[in-house]
């Protein structure tokens, strides 16, 4: 009986250890939100959001990493790879009315990785709130989105 308890505890301990996606790192081991890195990502992020409102296809495309592993989940589409994203963007038009952003949070990890999240609103969609999340990575040619998710829900009461 005692042996079965020990085995059960070992299984639970191992399961918990293996279920984590990443090992626990001490907070001091990773630089989070370095001001200069946050500022760099914000410039790229604002450039992208201005391009969404303007329908600037070239900027929209150049924001996403040209790689078959880049992913964008949109309102009604699941786009895998840069080519699918660029083909989807080919139909982009200026937003009228443009969207506004709220509660934008940009969090950077070390110097080359960031996550940007925001809520979006459009005057012609009362009672709705858009949600946008992007994973940004710094490459030799600058910051690019490697994964994005866009969705709209009824505004929470």
C-alpha atoms as a PDB file:
ATOM      1  CA  UNK A   1       0.000   0.000   0.000  1.00  0.00           C
ATOM      2  CA  UNK A   2       2.817   2.371   0.919  1.00  0.00           C
ATOM      3  CA  UNK A   3       4.548   1.676  -2.400  1.00  0.00           C
ATOM      4  CA  UNK A   4       1.395   2.500  -4.395  1.00  0.00           C
ATOM      5  CA  UNK A   5       1.132   5.881  -2.633  1.00  0.00           C
ATOM      6  CA  UNK A   6       4.722   6.683  -3.535  1.00  0.00           C
ATOM      7  CA  UNK A   7       4.129   5.677  -7.159  1.00  0.00           C
ATOM      8  CA  UNK A   8       0.936   7.773  -7.291  1.00  0.00           C
ATOM      9  CA  UNK A   9       2.729  10.826  -5.889  1.00  0.00           C
ATOM     10  CA  UNK A  10       5.580  10.386  -8.372  1.00  0.00           C
ATOM     11  CA  UNK A  11       3.116  10.190 -11.274  1.00  0.00           C
ATOM     12  CA  UNK A  12       1.326  13.358 -10.131  1.00  0.00           C
ATOM     13  CA  UNK A  13       4.612  15.200  -9.665  1.00  0.00           C
ATOM     14  CA  UNK A  14       5.888  14.153 -13.084  1.00  0.00           C
ATOM     15  CA  UNK A  15       2.591  14.984 -14.789  1.00  0.00           C
ATOM     16  CA  UNK A  16       2.627  18.503 -13.360  1.00  0.00           C
ATOM     17  CA  UNK A  17       6.255  18.996 -14.349  1.00  0.00           C
ATOM     18  CA  UNK A  18       5.690  17.823 -17.927  1.00  0.00           C
ATOM     19  CA  UNK A  19       2.395  19.700 -18.408  1.00  0.00           C
ATOM     20  CA  UNK A  20       4.053  23.103 -18.249  1.00  0.00           C
ATOM     21  CA  UNK A  21       4.917  24.512 -21.660  1.00  0.00           C
ATOM     22  CA  UNK A  22       8.040  26.235 -20.463  1.00  0.00           C
ATOM     23  CA  UNK A  23      10.273  25.738 -17.468  1.00  0.00           C
ATOM     24  CA  UNK A  24       9.879  28.193 -14.637  1.00  0.00           C
ATOM     25  CA  UNK A  25      12.490  30.871 -15.021  1.00  0.00           C
ATOM     26  CA  UNK A  26      13.404  33.281 -12.275  1.00  0.00           C
ATOM     27  CA  UNK A  27      12.045  36.749 -13.083  1.00  0.00           C
ATOM     28  CA  UNK A  28      15.557  38.174 -13.016  1.00  0.00           C
ATOM     29  CA  UNK A  29      16.629  35.787 -15.791  1.00  0.00           C
ATOM     30  CA  UNK A  30      14.575  37.581 -18.456  1.00  0.00           C
ATOM     31  CA  UNK A  31      14.404  41.285 -19.254  1.00  0.00           C
ATOM     32  CA  UNK A  32      10.743  42.222 -19.665  1.00  0.00           C
ATOM     33  CA  UNK A  33       9.553  45.538 -21.102  1.00  0.00           C
ATOM     34  CA  UNK A  34      12.889  47.193 -21.799  1.00  0.00           C
ATOM     35  CA  UNK A  35      11.784  50.766 -22.614  1.00  0.00           C
ATOM     36  CA  UNK A  36      13.732  51.059 -25.874  1.00  0.00           C
ATOM     37  CA  UNK A  37      12.408  47.714 -27.138  1.00  0.00           C
ATOM     38  CA  UNK A  38       8.809  48.587 -26.210  1.00  0.00           C
ATOM     39  CA  UNK A  39       9.236  51.877 -28.109  1.00  0.00           C
ATOM     40  CA  UNK A  40      10.537  50.045 -31.213  1.00  0.00           C
ATOM     41  CA  UNK A  41       7.633  47.603 -31.224  1.00  0.00           C
ATOM     42  CA  UNK A  42       5.146  50.423 -30.684  1.00  0.00           C
ATOM     43  CA  UNK A  43       6.431  52.212 -33.801  1.00  0.00           C
ATOM     44  CA  UNK A  44       6.004  49.031 -35.877  1.00  0.00           C
ATOM     45  CA  UNK A  45       2.626  48.321 -34.263  1.00  0.00           C
ATOM     46  CA  UNK A  46       1.301  51.840 -34.904  1.00  0.00           C
ATOM     47  CA  UNK A  47       2.533  51.679 -38.502  1.00  0.00           C
ATOM     48  CA  UNK A  48       0.583  48.447 -38.994  1.00  0.00           C
ATOM     49  CA  UNK A  49      -2.610  49.794 -37.412  1.00  0.00           C
ATOM     50  CA  UNK A  50      -2.431  52.986 -39.494  1.00  0.00           C
ATOM     51  CA  UNK A  51      -2.084  50.743 -42.574  1.00  0.00           C
ATOM     52  CA  UNK A  52      -5.197  48.763 -41.545  1.00  0.00           C
ATOM     53  CA  UNK A  53      -7.252  51.968 -41.429  1.00  0.00           C
ATOM     54  CA  UNK A  54      -5.750  53.256 -44.697  1.00  0.00           C
ATOM     55  CA  UNK A  55      -5.956  49.948 -46.579  1.00  0.00           C
ATOM     56  CA  UNK A  56      -2.216  50.160 -47.288  1.00  0.00           C
ATOM     57  CA  UNK A  57      -1.609  46.677 -48.669  1.00  0.00           C
ATOM     58  CA  UNK A  58       2.166  47.046 -49.043  1.00  0.00           C
ATOM     59  CA  UNK A  59       2.597  47.959 -45.375  1.00  0.00           C
ATOM     60  CA  UNK A  60       0.146  45.283 -44.243  1.00  0.00           C
ATOM     61  CA  UNK A  61       2.073  42.633 -46.157  1.00  0.00           C
ATOM     62  CA  UNK A  62       5.504  43.828 -45.072  1.00  0.00           C
ATOM     63  CA  UNK A  63       4.437  43.697 -41.433  1.00  0.00           C
ATOM     64  CA  UNK A  64       3.913  39.946 -41.538  1.00  0.00           C
ATOM     65  CA  UNK A  65       6.952  37.667 -41.699  1.00  0.00           C
ATOM     66  CA  UNK A  66       7.404  36.250 -45.204  1.00  0.00           C
ATOM     67  CA  UNK A  67       7.489  32.650 -44.069  1.00  0.00           C
ATOM     68  CA  UNK A  68       5.246  29.609 -44.574  1.00  0.00           C
ATOM     69  CA  UNK A  69       4.994  29.285 -40.761  1.00  0.00           C
ATOM     70  CA  UNK A  70       3.395  32.715 -40.272  1.00  0.00           C
ATOM     71  CA  UNK A  71      -0.241  32.363 -39.185  1.00  0.00           C
ATOM     72  CA  UNK A  72      -3.198  34.757 -39.076  1.00  0.00           C
ATOM     73  CA  UNK A  73      -6.578  33.748 -37.671  1.00  0.00           C
ATOM     74  CA  UNK A  74      -9.108  36.336 -38.808  1.00  0.00           C
ATOM     75  CA  UNK A  75     -12.813  37.038 -38.516  1.00  0.00           C
ATOM     76  CA  UNK A  76     -13.770  34.312 -40.953  1.00  0.00           C
ATOM     77  CA  UNK A  77     -10.523  32.844 -42.213  1.00  0.00           C
ATOM     78  CA  UNK A  78      -7.591  30.752 -41.027  1.00  0.00           C
ATOM     79  CA  UNK A  79      -4.515  31.775 -42.990  1.00  0.00           C
ATOM     80  CA  UNK A  80      -1.410  29.604 -42.950  1.00  0.00           C
ATOM     81  CA  UNK A  81       1.736  31.062 -44.425  1.00  0.00           C
ATOM     82  CA  UNK A  82       2.679  34.442 -45.788  1.00  0.00           C
ATOM     83  CA  UNK A  83       1.241  33.723 -49.243  1.00  0.00           C
ATOM     84  CA  UNK A  84      -2.255  33.021 -47.900  1.00  0.00           C
ATOM     85  CA  UNK A  85      -2.078  36.174 -45.773  1.00  0.00           C
ATOM     86  CA  UNK A  86      -0.905  38.307 -48.720  1.00  0.00           C
ATOM     87  CA  UNK A  87      -3.640  36.890 -50.963  1.00  0.00           C
ATOM     88  CA  UNK A  88      -6.241  37.743 -48.320  1.00  0.00           C
ATOM     89  CA  UNK A  89      -4.795  41.251 -47.978  1.00  0.00           C
ATOM     90  CA  UNK A  90      -5.054  41.872 -51.730  1.00  0.00           C
ATOM     91  CA  UNK A  91      -8.695  42.855 -51.178  1.00  0.00           C
ATOM     92  CA  UNK A  92      -7.930  45.302 -48.336  1.00  0.00           C
ATOM     93  CA  UNK A  93      -9.607  48.699 -48.572  1.00  0.00           C
ATOM     94  CA  UNK A  94      -9.496  51.737 -46.299  1.00  0.00           C
ATOM     95  CA  UNK A  95     -11.780  51.320 -43.299  1.00  0.00           C
ATOM     96  CA  UNK A  96     -14.659  53.783 -43.292  1.00  0.00           C
ATOM     97  CA  UNK A  97     -15.157  54.585 -40.523  1.00  0.00           C
ATOM     98  CA  UNK A  98     -11.668  53.735 -39.256  1.00  0.00           C
ATOM     99  CA  UNK A  99     -11.286  51.647 -36.154  1.00  0.00           C
ATOM    100  CA  UNK A 100     -10.059  53.027 -32.869  1.00  0.00           C
ATOM    101  CA  UNK A 101      -7.866  51.167 -30.415  1.00  0.00           C
ATOM    102  CA  UNK A 102      -8.301  50.790 -26.678  1.00  0.00           C
ATOM    103  CA  UNK A 103      -6.401  49.109 -23.845  1.00  0.00           C
ATOM    104  CA  UNK A 104      -3.368  48.364 -26.004  1.00  0.00           C
ATOM    105  CA  UNK A 105      -0.741  46.340 -24.159  1.00  0.00           C
ATOM    106  CA  UNK A 106       2.696  45.697 -25.639  1.00  0.00           C
ATOM    107  CA  UNK A 107       4.871  43.359 -23.612  1.00  0.00           C
ATOM    108  CA  UNK A 108       8.424  42.620 -24.687  1.00  0.00           C
ATOM    109  CA  UNK A 109      10.618  39.728 -23.633  1.00  0.00           C
ATOM    110  CA  UNK A 110      14.333  40.327 -23.918  1.00  0.00           C
ATOM    111  CA  UNK A 111      15.185  42.301 -27.076  1.00  0.00           C
ATOM    112  CA  UNK A 112      13.643  40.255 -29.869  1.00  0.00           C
ATOM    113  CA  UNK A 113      10.178  39.046 -28.871  1.00  0.00           C
ATOM    114  CA  UNK A 114       6.916  40.859 -28.120  1.00  0.00           C
ATOM    115  CA  UNK A 115       3.181  40.346 -27.780  1.00  0.00           C
ATOM    116  CA  UNK A 116       0.759  43.150 -28.647  1.00  0.00           C
ATOM    117  CA  UNK A 117      -2.911  43.037 -27.636  1.00  0.00           C
ATOM    118  CA  UNK A 118      -5.641  45.597 -28.154  1.00  0.00           C
ATOM    119  CA  UNK A 119      -9.378  46.126 -28.296  1.00  0.00           C
ATOM    120  CA  UNK A 120     -10.820  47.781 -31.404  1.00  0.00           C
ATOM    121  CA  UNK A 121     -14.038  49.704 -32.003  1.00  0.00           C
ATOM    122  CA  UNK A 122     -15.812  50.935 -35.124  1.00  0.00           C
ATOM    123  CA  UNK A 123     -18.606  53.506 -35.133  1.00  0.00           C
ATOM    124  CA  UNK A 124     -20.620  51.412 -37.608  1.00  0.00           C
ATOM    125  CA  UNK A 125     -20.542  48.366 -35.290  1.00  0.00           C
ATOM    126  CA  UNK A 126     -22.216  49.519 -32.066  1.00  0.00           C
ATOM    127  CA  UNK A 127     -22.211  46.975 -29.272  1.00  0.00           C
ATOM    128  CA  UNK A 128     -19.255  45.076 -30.764  1.00  0.00           C
ATOM    129  CA  UNK A 129     -15.649  44.954 -29.654  1.00  0.00           C
ATOM    130  CA  UNK A 130     -12.792  43.641 -31.752  1.00  0.00           C
ATOM    131  CA  UNK A 131      -9.808  41.875 -30.243  1.00  0.00           C
ATOM    132  CA  UNK A 132      -6.390  41.722 -31.839  1.00  0.00           C
ATOM    133  CA  UNK A 133      -3.352  39.819 -30.604  1.00  0.00           C
ATOM    134  CA  UNK A 134      -0.035  39.641 -32.402  1.00  0.00           C
ATOM    135  CA  UNK A 135       3.252  37.924 -31.742  1.00  0.00           C
ATOM    136  CA  UNK A 136       6.163  40.049 -32.967  1.00  0.00           C
ATOM    137  CA  UNK A 137       9.752  38.905 -33.511  1.00  0.00           C
ATOM    138  CA  UNK A 138      12.775  41.000 -34.407  1.00  0.00           C
ATOM    139  CA  UNK A 139      14.607  39.679 -37.478  1.00  0.00           C
ATOM    140  CA  UNK A 140      17.637  41.103 -39.274  1.00  0.00           C
ATOM    141  CA  UNK A 141      15.295  43.265 -41.400  1.00  0.00           C
ATOM    142  CA  UNK A 142      13.213  44.503 -38.443  1.00  0.00           C
ATOM    143  CA  UNK A 143      10.108  43.597 -36.466  1.00  0.00           C
ATOM    144  CA  UNK A 144       7.514  41.280 -38.039  1.00  0.00           C
ATOM    145  CA  UNK A 145       4.307  39.583 -36.950  1.00  0.00           C
ATOM    146  CA  UNK A 146       4.669  35.788 -36.931  1.00  0.00           C
ATOM    147  CA  UNK A 147       1.242  34.982 -35.484  1.00  0.00           C
ATOM    148  CA  UNK A 148      -1.972  36.991 -35.200  1.00  0.00           C
ATOM    149  CA  UNK A 149      -5.546  36.492 -34.075  1.00  0.00           C
ATOM    150  CA  UNK A 150      -8.433  38.879 -34.795  1.00  0.00           C
ATOM    151  CA  UNK A 151     -11.983  38.371 -33.568  1.00  0.00           C
ATOM    152  CA  UNK A 152     -15.103  40.372 -32.734  1.00  0.00           C
ATOM    153  CA  UNK A 153     -17.559  39.723 -29.921  1.00  0.00           C
ATOM    154  CA  UNK A 154     -20.566  41.423 -28.405  1.00  0.00           C
ATOM    155  CA  UNK A 155     -19.274  44.047 -26.006  1.00  0.00           C
ATOM    156  CA  UNK A 156     -19.354  42.609 -22.486  1.00  0.00           C
ATOM    157  CA  UNK A 157     -21.942  44.231 -20.250  1.00  0.00           C
END
